Amino acid sequence: MATMERLLPGDPAPWFVAPSATTPRYSFASVAGRYILLLFPGPAERPEAAAALASLAAARAEGVLDDVNAAGFVIALDPDPARAPREAIPGLRVLFDRDLAISRAYGATQPDPASGRTRYLPLAMLLDPLLRVIATAPMAQLPALVALLRRLPPAPLHAGQESPAPVLLLPRVFEPDLCRHLIEQYQAMGGTESGFMVERDGKTIGTLDPGHKRRKDMIIADEPTQAAVRLRITRRILPEIRKAFQFQATRIERFIVACYDAADGGHFRAHRDNTTPGTAHRRFAVTINLNDGFDGGALWFPEFSQRRFRPPIGGAAVFSCSLLHEATPVTRGTRYATLPFLYDDAAAALREANQASFAP
């Protein structure tokens, strides 16, 4: 039991990446924003494992696990489809722990002093929308965790009240003339489809998935416009980051105008901006809106609340790159924005060291 108590209420649950039946690299960090029932049943042939899986399936059928307020995850040891638990989406997913690394991190294994082998300690865990532990119990007590989940407040109120994300909202960063100039540059040059970075076999690669992200970007190539953007970020954003977060940003990554268009469902689903070796140096993300006259296209942070953020024309939202965030679909019109990342000299050294991680 001492091993099972490694993770106590209030502790952050370890993030991990694991294969599922349909995804080779499922990022557990991306599921924040809802309650999570996490089950470590151990070997599939155990009768008690079947009983626990039936309990999760019943919770899903009841509507307790709906992917909106709560979701269930089974950490399975055997990837054989004939013996592995079945996924039932929405609500119930199966991830595979072939080398027991996830089970060890969560305290589901223990060395046996007598034999020297690894003992498996089946357990269940309930996590809050920040992926912090609410309760841990032996697997046989899974029904009690389901009963506890039923009594909890809705996920956005898990802290007892709305918990705003730590976001700086800064109006008056770009003047209207600069906003118009950037939009005119985009409309004259056009944008190209924008992907996102993923890690595969230790390498950082760019990929396109219109179901996850749909956006077109234009690189701001001329130096006078870059200088105008840099000056305003330096004068009007960096002092506020220093005041709010005690962080001195010294570097800017990328000068772009991004376009989310309702015509192709422009959006970017929930993600974090620094989860690969090639992006680990990023410290703060900045969203500067260049126009209005569109519907949708708000920024929100599922780990914290349902509150949507939409800076005014020329205004910025500034937040840590580690926060899970989403750009909601633009449903009418076109949204233009400038989206730099900020970091410091120490992070610049990390960026340089990780350059070799980029795949050709």
Protein backbone atom coordinates (compact mmCIF):
# COMPACT_ATOMS: atom_id res chain seq x y z
CA MET A 1 0.00 0.00 0.00
CA ALA A 2 2.95 2.34 0.52
CA THR A 3 3.60 2.25 -3.23
CA MET A 4 -0.07 2.93 -3.99
CA GLU A 5 0.11 6.05 -1.83
CA ARG A 6 2.92 7.59 -3.87
CA LEU A 7 0.31 9.81 -5.50
CA LEU A 8 -1.83 11.47 -2.86
CA PRO A 9 -4.77 13.88 -3.20
CA GLY A 10 -3.50 17.16 -4.62
CA ASP A 11 -0.48 15.61 -6.33
CA PRO A 12 -0.14 16.20 -10.09
CA ALA A 13 -0.57 13.02 -12.09
CA PRO A 14 2.39 12.23 -14.37
CA TRP A 15 1.95 13.05 -18.03
CA PHE A 16 2.79 10.34 -20.52
CA VAL A 17 2.48 9.36 -24.17
CA ALA A 18 1.21 5.88 -25.02
CA PRO A 19 -0.23 3.99 -27.98
CA SER A 20 -3.92 3.26 -28.30
CA ALA A 21 -5.75 0.99 -30.71
CA THR A 22 -6.05 3.87 -33.20
CA THR A 23 -3.25 6.31 -32.30
CA PRO A 24 0.46 5.46 -32.03
CA ARG A 25 1.17 8.38 -29.69
CA TYR A 26 -1.75 9.44 -27.50
CA SER A 27 -0.76 12.36 -25.26
CA PHE A 28 -2.40 12.06 -21.85
CA ALA A 29 -1.61 15.74 -21.19
CA SER A 30 -4.20 16.65 -23.83
CA VAL A 31 -7.17 15.21 -21.88
CA ALA A 32 -7.18 17.88 -19.15
CA GLY A 33 -10.34 19.91 -18.67
CA ARG A 34 -12.59 17.08 -17.41
CA TYR A 35 -12.55 14.56 -14.59
CA ILE A 36 -10.57 11.42 -15.40
CA LEU A 37 -11.19 7.91 -14.07
CA LEU A 38 -7.96 6.02 -14.57
CA LEU A 39 -7.88 2.24 -14.18
CA PHE A 40 -4.81 0.00 -13.89
CA PRO A 41 -6.38 -3.49 -14.02
CA GLY A 42 -3.21 -5.52 -14.51
CA PRO A 43 -3.24 -8.81 -16.44
CA ALA A 44 -6.46 -9.09 -18.44
CA GLU A 45 -7.12 -12.70 -17.42
CA ARG A 46 -7.79 -11.78 -13.78
CA PRO A 47 -11.52 -12.04 -12.92
CA GLU A 48 -11.38 -8.87 -10.83
CA ALA A 49 -10.10 -6.99 -13.90
CA ALA A 50 -13.20 -7.99 -15.83
CA ALA A 51 -15.41 -6.78 -12.96
CA ALA A 52 -13.67 -3.39 -12.89
CA LEU A 53 -13.97 -2.98 -16.64
CA ALA A 54 -17.67 -3.80 -16.41
CA SER A 55 -18.01 -1.08 -13.76
CA LEU A 56 -16.41 1.48 -16.11
CA ALA A 57 -18.64 0.37 -18.98
CA ALA A 58 -21.72 0.77 -16.76
CA ALA A 59 -20.61 4.29 -15.80
CA ARG A 60 -20.30 5.16 -19.48
CA ALA A 61 -23.71 3.69 -20.29
CA GLU A 62 -25.18 5.76 -17.46
CA GLY A 63 -23.70 8.93 -18.98
CA VAL A 64 -21.17 9.55 -16.20
CA LEU A 65 -18.31 9.17 -18.70
CA ASP A 66 -19.26 11.40 -21.62
CA ASP A 67 -15.90 13.03 -22.58
CA VAL A 68 -17.37 16.42 -21.64
CA ASN A 69 -17.54 16.31 -17.85
CA ALA A 70 -15.58 13.09 -17.35
CA ALA A 71 -13.74 10.39 -19.26
CA GLY A 72 -12.41 6.95 -18.43
CA PHE A 73 -9.02 5.50 -19.34
CA VAL A 74 -7.83 1.93 -18.99
CA ILE A 75 -4.08 1.33 -18.87
CA ALA A 76 -3.80 -2.13 -20.45
CA LEU A 77 -0.75 -4.37 -20.49
CA ASP A 78 -1.63 -6.63 -23.43
CA PRO A 79 -1.95 -4.98 -26.85
CA ASP A 80 -3.44 -8.16 -28.37
CA PRO A 81 -6.85 -7.01 -29.71
CA ALA A 82 -8.34 -10.38 -28.79
CA ARG A 83 -7.56 -9.85 -25.10
CA ALA A 84 -7.32 -6.08 -24.67
CA PRO A 85 -10.31 -4.13 -23.31
CA ARG A 86 -12.53 -2.51 -25.91
CA GLU A 87 -12.70 1.24 -26.38
CA ALA A 88 -16.11 2.91 -26.38
CA ILE A 89 -15.82 6.48 -27.62
CA PRO A 90 -16.98 8.88 -26.33
CA GLY A 91 -16.16 8.19 -22.73
CA LEU A 92 -13.84 5.21 -22.52
CA ARG A 93 -10.36 4.76 -24.03
CA VAL A 94 -7.65 2.13 -23.75
CA LEU A 95 -3.93 2.97 -23.70
CA PHE A 96 -1.16 0.35 -23.70
CA ASP A 97 1.67 0.14 -21.19
CA ARG A 98 3.90 -2.50 -22.75
CA ASP A 99 7.01 -1.72 -20.67
CA LEU A 100 5.17 -0.88 -17.38
CA ALA A 101 6.61 2.66 -17.42
CA ILE A 102 3.18 4.24 -16.85
CA SER A 103 2.25 1.72 -14.18
CA ARG A 104 5.50 2.40 -12.33
CA ALA A 105 4.99 6.16 -12.49
CA TYR A 106 1.51 5.80 -10.94
CA GLY A 107 2.53 3.30 -8.25
CA ALA A 108 0.77 0.29 -9.78
CA THR A 109 3.88 -1.90 -9.57
CA GLN A 110 6.06 -2.98 -6.68
CA PRO A 111 9.23 -5.08 -6.54
CA ASP A 112 8.71 -8.40 -4.72
CA PRO A 113 11.60 -8.76 -2.22
CA ALA A 114 11.24 -12.53 -2.16
CA SER A 115 11.39 -13.23 -5.88
CA GLY A 116 12.91 -10.03 -7.22
CA ARG A 117 10.10 -9.84 -9.75
CA THR A 118 7.67 -6.99 -10.28
CA ARG A 119 4.32 -7.33 -8.56
CA TYR A 120 1.32 -5.60 -10.11
CA LEU A 121 -1.00 -3.74 -7.75
CA PRO A 122 -4.24 -3.07 -9.64
CA LEU A 123 -5.59 0.35 -8.71
CA ALA A 124 -8.04 3.04 -9.74
CA MET A 125 -7.58 6.78 -9.60
CA LEU A 126 -9.81 9.84 -9.96
CA LEU A 127 -8.19 13.01 -11.32
CA ASP A 128 -9.49 16.55 -11.48
CA PRO A 129 -9.58 18.71 -14.65
CA LEU A 130 -6.03 19.91 -13.92
CA LEU A 131 -4.93 16.25 -13.88
CA ARG A 132 -4.32 16.36 -10.14
CA VAL A 133 -5.25 13.46 -7.88
CA ILE A 134 -8.61 13.54 -6.12
CA ALA A 135 -8.52 9.97 -4.80
CA THR A 136 -6.67 6.68 -5.26
CA ALA A 137 -8.04 3.26 -4.31
CA PRO A 138 -7.46 -0.44 -4.89
CA MET A 139 -9.17 -1.58 -8.06
CA ALA A 140 -11.95 -3.33 -6.12
CA GLN A 141 -13.06 0.09 -4.84
CA LEU A 142 -13.63 1.51 -8.32
CA PRO A 143 -17.42 1.68 -7.74
CA ALA A 144 -16.75 4.00 -4.79
CA LEU A 145 -14.74 6.32 -7.07
CA VAL A 146 -17.58 6.31 -9.59
CA ALA A 147 -19.99 7.23 -6.79
CA LEU A 148 -17.63 10.05 -5.74
CA LEU A 149 -17.50 11.31 -9.33
CA ARG A 150 -21.31 11.51 -9.42
CA ARG A 151 -21.26 13.82 -6.39
CA LEU A 152 -18.63 16.22 -7.67
CA PRO A 153 -19.57 19.63 -9.12
CA PRO A 154 -19.38 20.13 -12.90
CA ALA A 155 -15.80 20.05 -14.15
CA PRO A 156 -15.52 23.85 -14.73
CA LEU A 157 -16.41 24.34 -11.03
CA HIS A 158 -14.18 21.60 -9.61
CA ALA A 159 -12.35 24.15 -7.42
CA GLY A 160 -15.63 25.28 -5.84
CA GLN A 161 -15.90 28.29 -8.14
CA GLU A 162 -14.82 29.32 -11.62
CA SER A 163 -11.04 29.22 -11.79
CA PRO A 164 -9.79 31.75 -14.37
CA ALA A 165 -6.76 30.77 -16.44
CA PRO A 166 -3.58 32.79 -15.76
CA VAL A 167 -3.89 34.90 -18.90
CA LEU A 168 -2.81 38.50 -19.43
CA LEU A 169 -5.29 40.52 -21.49
CA LEU A 170 -3.57 43.62 -22.84
CA PRO A 171 -5.44 46.11 -25.05
CA ARG A 172 -3.69 48.71 -27.19
CA VAL A 173 -0.61 46.73 -28.25
CA PHE A 174 -0.93 47.36 -32.01
CA GLU A 175 -2.41 50.55 -33.43
CA PRO A 176 -5.31 50.18 -35.91
CA ASP A 177 -3.05 51.31 -38.79
CA LEU A 178 -0.56 48.51 -38.09
CA CYS A 179 -3.40 45.97 -37.85
CA ARG A 180 -4.73 47.10 -41.25
CA HIS A 181 -1.25 47.00 -42.75
CA LEU A 182 -0.69 43.39 -41.62
CA ILE A 183 -4.08 42.29 -42.97
CA GLU A 184 -3.39 44.00 -46.30
CA GLN A 185 -0.04 42.21 -46.52
CA TYR A 186 -1.77 38.89 -45.95
CA GLN A 187 -4.47 39.61 -48.51
CA ALA A 188 -1.85 40.62 -51.08
CA MET A 189 0.43 37.61 -50.53
CA GLY A 190 -1.94 34.91 -49.27
CA GLY A 191 -1.17 32.23 -46.71
CA THR A 192 -0.12 28.60 -46.74
CA GLU A 193 -1.66 25.77 -44.73
CA SER A 194 -0.20 25.72 -41.23
CA GLY A 195 0.62 22.47 -39.47
CA PHE A 196 1.84 21.68 -35.98
CA MET A 197 4.78 19.89 -34.38
CA VAL A 198 4.71 16.34 -33.05
CA GLU A 199 7.40 14.04 -31.66
CA ARG A 200 8.09 10.69 -33.29
CA ASP A 201 11.01 8.46 -32.33
CA GLY A 202 12.66 11.37 -30.56
CA LYS A 203 12.42 13.62 -33.62
CA THR A 204 10.32 16.78 -34.01
CA ILE A 205 8.35 16.80 -37.24
CA GLY A 206 5.71 19.04 -38.74
CA THR A 207 2.39 17.47 -39.68
CA LEU A 208 -0.95 18.51 -41.15
CA ASP A 209 -4.27 17.31 -39.76
CA PRO A 210 -7.28 19.44 -40.72
CA GLY A 211 -9.35 17.75 -38.02
CA HIS A 212 -6.97 19.11 -35.38
CA LYS A 213 -5.93 22.42 -36.93
CA ARG A 214 -7.09 24.47 -39.89
CA ARG A 215 -5.24 27.75 -40.40
CA LYS A 216 -3.25 29.52 -43.10
CA ASP A 217 -0.19 31.61 -42.24
CA MET A 218 1.85 34.27 -43.98
CA ILE A 219 5.42 34.97 -42.91
CA ILE A 220 6.09 38.67 -42.29
CA ALA A 221 9.21 38.89 -44.44
CA ASP A 222 10.02 42.60 -44.70
CA GLU A 223 12.27 43.98 -42.00
CA PRO A 224 10.43 47.31 -41.41
CA THR A 225 7.20 45.47 -40.56
CA GLN A 226 9.08 42.97 -38.39
CA ALA A 227 10.73 45.89 -36.60
CA ALA A 228 7.34 47.54 -35.99
CA VAL A 229 5.95 44.32 -34.49
CA ARG A 230 9.08 43.76 -32.39
CA LEU A 231 9.06 47.31 -31.02
CA ARG A 232 5.47 47.11 -29.81
CA ILE A 233 5.94 43.70 -28.20
CA THR A 234 9.08 44.99 -26.46
CA ARG A 235 7.46 48.19 -25.19
CA ARG A 236 3.93 47.00 -24.41
CA ILE A 237 4.04 43.27 -23.63
CA LEU A 238 7.42 42.44 -22.11
CA PRO A 239 7.02 44.82 -19.12
CA GLU A 240 3.66 43.25 -18.29
CA ILE A 241 5.08 39.71 -18.43
CA ARG A 242 7.90 40.85 -16.14
CA LYS A 243 5.39 42.35 -13.71
CA ALA A 244 2.91 39.46 -13.70
CA PHE A 245 5.23 36.47 -14.03
CA GLN A 246 8.69 37.77 -13.06
CA PHE A 247 10.06 36.58 -16.39
CA GLN A 248 12.30 38.61 -18.67
CA ALA A 249 11.67 37.61 -22.28
CA THR A 250 14.50 38.48 -24.67
CA ARG A 251 13.71 36.51 -27.83
CA ILE A 252 10.83 36.30 -30.31
CA GLU A 253 10.07 33.23 -32.39
CA ARG A 254 8.29 33.73 -35.72
CA PHE A 255 6.69 36.78 -37.32
CA ILE A 256 3.46 35.66 -38.98
CA VAL A 257 -0.06 36.74 -39.80
CA ALA A 258 -2.42 33.82 -39.20
CA CYS A 259 -5.83 33.47 -40.83
CA TYR A 260 -8.72 31.44 -39.43
CA ASP A 261 -11.45 31.45 -42.09
CA ALA A 262 -15.04 30.31 -41.58
CA ALA A 263 -15.04 29.10 -45.20
CA ASP A 264 -12.82 26.16 -44.26
CA GLY A 265 -13.73 25.92 -40.56
CA GLY A 266 -10.59 27.59 -39.21
CA HIS A 267 -9.72 26.28 -35.74
CA PHE A 268 -6.96 24.75 -33.59
CA ARG A 269 -8.07 22.08 -31.14
CA ALA A 270 -6.74 21.80 -27.59
CA HIS A 271 -2.95 21.63 -27.50
CA ARG A 272 0.16 22.79 -25.65
CA ASP A 273 2.89 24.72 -27.45
CA ASN A 274 6.08 23.23 -25.98
CA THR A 275 5.68 19.44 -25.87
CA THR A 276 8.33 18.38 -28.41
CA PRO A 277 12.14 18.70 -28.24
CA GLY A 278 12.02 21.26 -31.04
CA THR A 279 9.46 23.45 -29.24
CA ALA A 280 10.54 22.94 -25.61
CA HIS A 281 12.20 26.36 -25.49
CA ARG A 282 8.93 28.27 -25.89
CA ARG A 283 7.90 30.06 -22.71
CA PHE A 284 4.99 32.42 -23.51
CA ALA A 285 2.50 32.46 -26.37
CA VAL A 286 1.01 35.73 -27.61
CA THR A 287 -2.23 36.14 -29.56
CA ILE A 288 -2.76 39.64 -31.03
CA ASN A 289 -6.08 40.02 -32.83
CA LEU A 290 -5.97 42.24 -35.92
CA ASN A 291 -9.68 42.56 -36.70
CA ASP A 292 -13.22 41.92 -35.54
CA GLY A 293 -16.37 41.22 -37.56
CA PHE A 294 -16.18 37.45 -37.15
CA ASP A 295 -18.01 34.93 -34.97
CA GLY A 296 -16.27 32.21 -32.99
CA GLY A 297 -12.49 32.29 -32.99
CA ALA A 298 -12.15 32.66 -29.23
CA LEU A 299 -9.35 31.35 -27.04
CA TRP A 300 -10.10 29.12 -24.05
CA PHE A 301 -8.24 26.99 -21.53
CA PRO A 302 -10.04 23.70 -20.76
CA GLU A 303 -8.05 22.99 -17.59
CA PHE A 304 -9.50 26.05 -15.87
CA SER A 305 -12.97 27.10 -16.96
CA GLN A 306 -15.34 27.63 -19.87
CA ARG A 307 -14.44 31.33 -20.08
CA ARG A 308 -13.59 32.50 -23.60
CA PHE A 309 -10.93 35.15 -24.27
CA ARG A 310 -11.14 37.45 -27.28
CA PRO A 311 -8.76 40.41 -27.30
CA PRO A 312 -10.00 43.57 -29.05
CA ILE A 313 -8.45 44.81 -32.27
CA GLY A 314 -4.76 45.34 -31.56
CA GLY A 315 -5.07 43.70 -28.15
CA ALA A 316 -3.12 40.68 -26.90
CA ALA A 317 -3.69 37.57 -24.82
CA VAL A 318 -0.45 36.31 -23.25
CA PHE A 319 -0.10 32.94 -21.50
CA SER A 320 2.32 30.16 -20.68
CA CYS A 321 3.05 27.75 -23.52
CA SER A 322 2.52 24.88 -21.05
CA LEU A 323 -1.21 25.62 -20.71
CA LEU A 324 -3.70 23.51 -22.65
CA HIS A 325 -5.55 25.93 -24.94
CA GLU A 326 -7.81 25.92 -27.98
CA ALA A 327 -8.78 28.35 -30.72
CA THR A 328 -12.48 27.70 -31.27
CA PRO A 329 -13.81 27.42 -34.84
CA VAL A 330 -14.56 30.63 -36.73
CA THR A 331 -18.19 30.26 -37.78
CA ARG A 332 -18.62 33.54 -39.69
CA GLY A 333 -16.12 35.78 -41.40
CA THR A 334 -12.34 35.69 -41.12
CA ARG A 335 -10.10 36.15 -38.11
CA TYR A 336 -6.58 37.56 -38.56
CA ALA A 337 -3.99 37.43 -35.77
CA THR A 338 -0.28 37.71 -35.08
CA LEU A 339 1.01 34.77 -33.00
CA PRO A 340 4.60 35.05 -31.74
CA PHE A 341 6.27 32.95 -29.05
CA LEU A 342 8.56 34.57 -26.48
CA TYR A 343 11.52 33.07 -24.60
CA ASP A 344 14.76 34.07 -22.90
CA ASP A 345 18.50 33.49 -23.34
CA ALA A 346 18.51 30.26 -21.32
CA ALA A 347 15.72 28.89 -23.50
CA ALA A 348 17.65 30.02 -26.57
CA ALA A 349 20.49 27.72 -25.52
CA LEU A 350 17.97 24.89 -25.18
CA ARG A 351 16.61 25.67 -28.63
CA GLU A 352 20.08 25.52 -30.11
CA ALA A 353 20.83 22.22 -28.37
CA ASN A 354 17.61 20.69 -29.70
CA GLN A 355 18.06 21.73 -33.33
CA ALA A 356 19.27 18.23 -34.12
CA SER A 357 15.88 16.86 -33.06
CA PHE A 358 14.17 18.25 -36.17
CA ALA A 359 13.52 15.60 -38.79
CA PRO A 360 14.50 16.54 -42.36
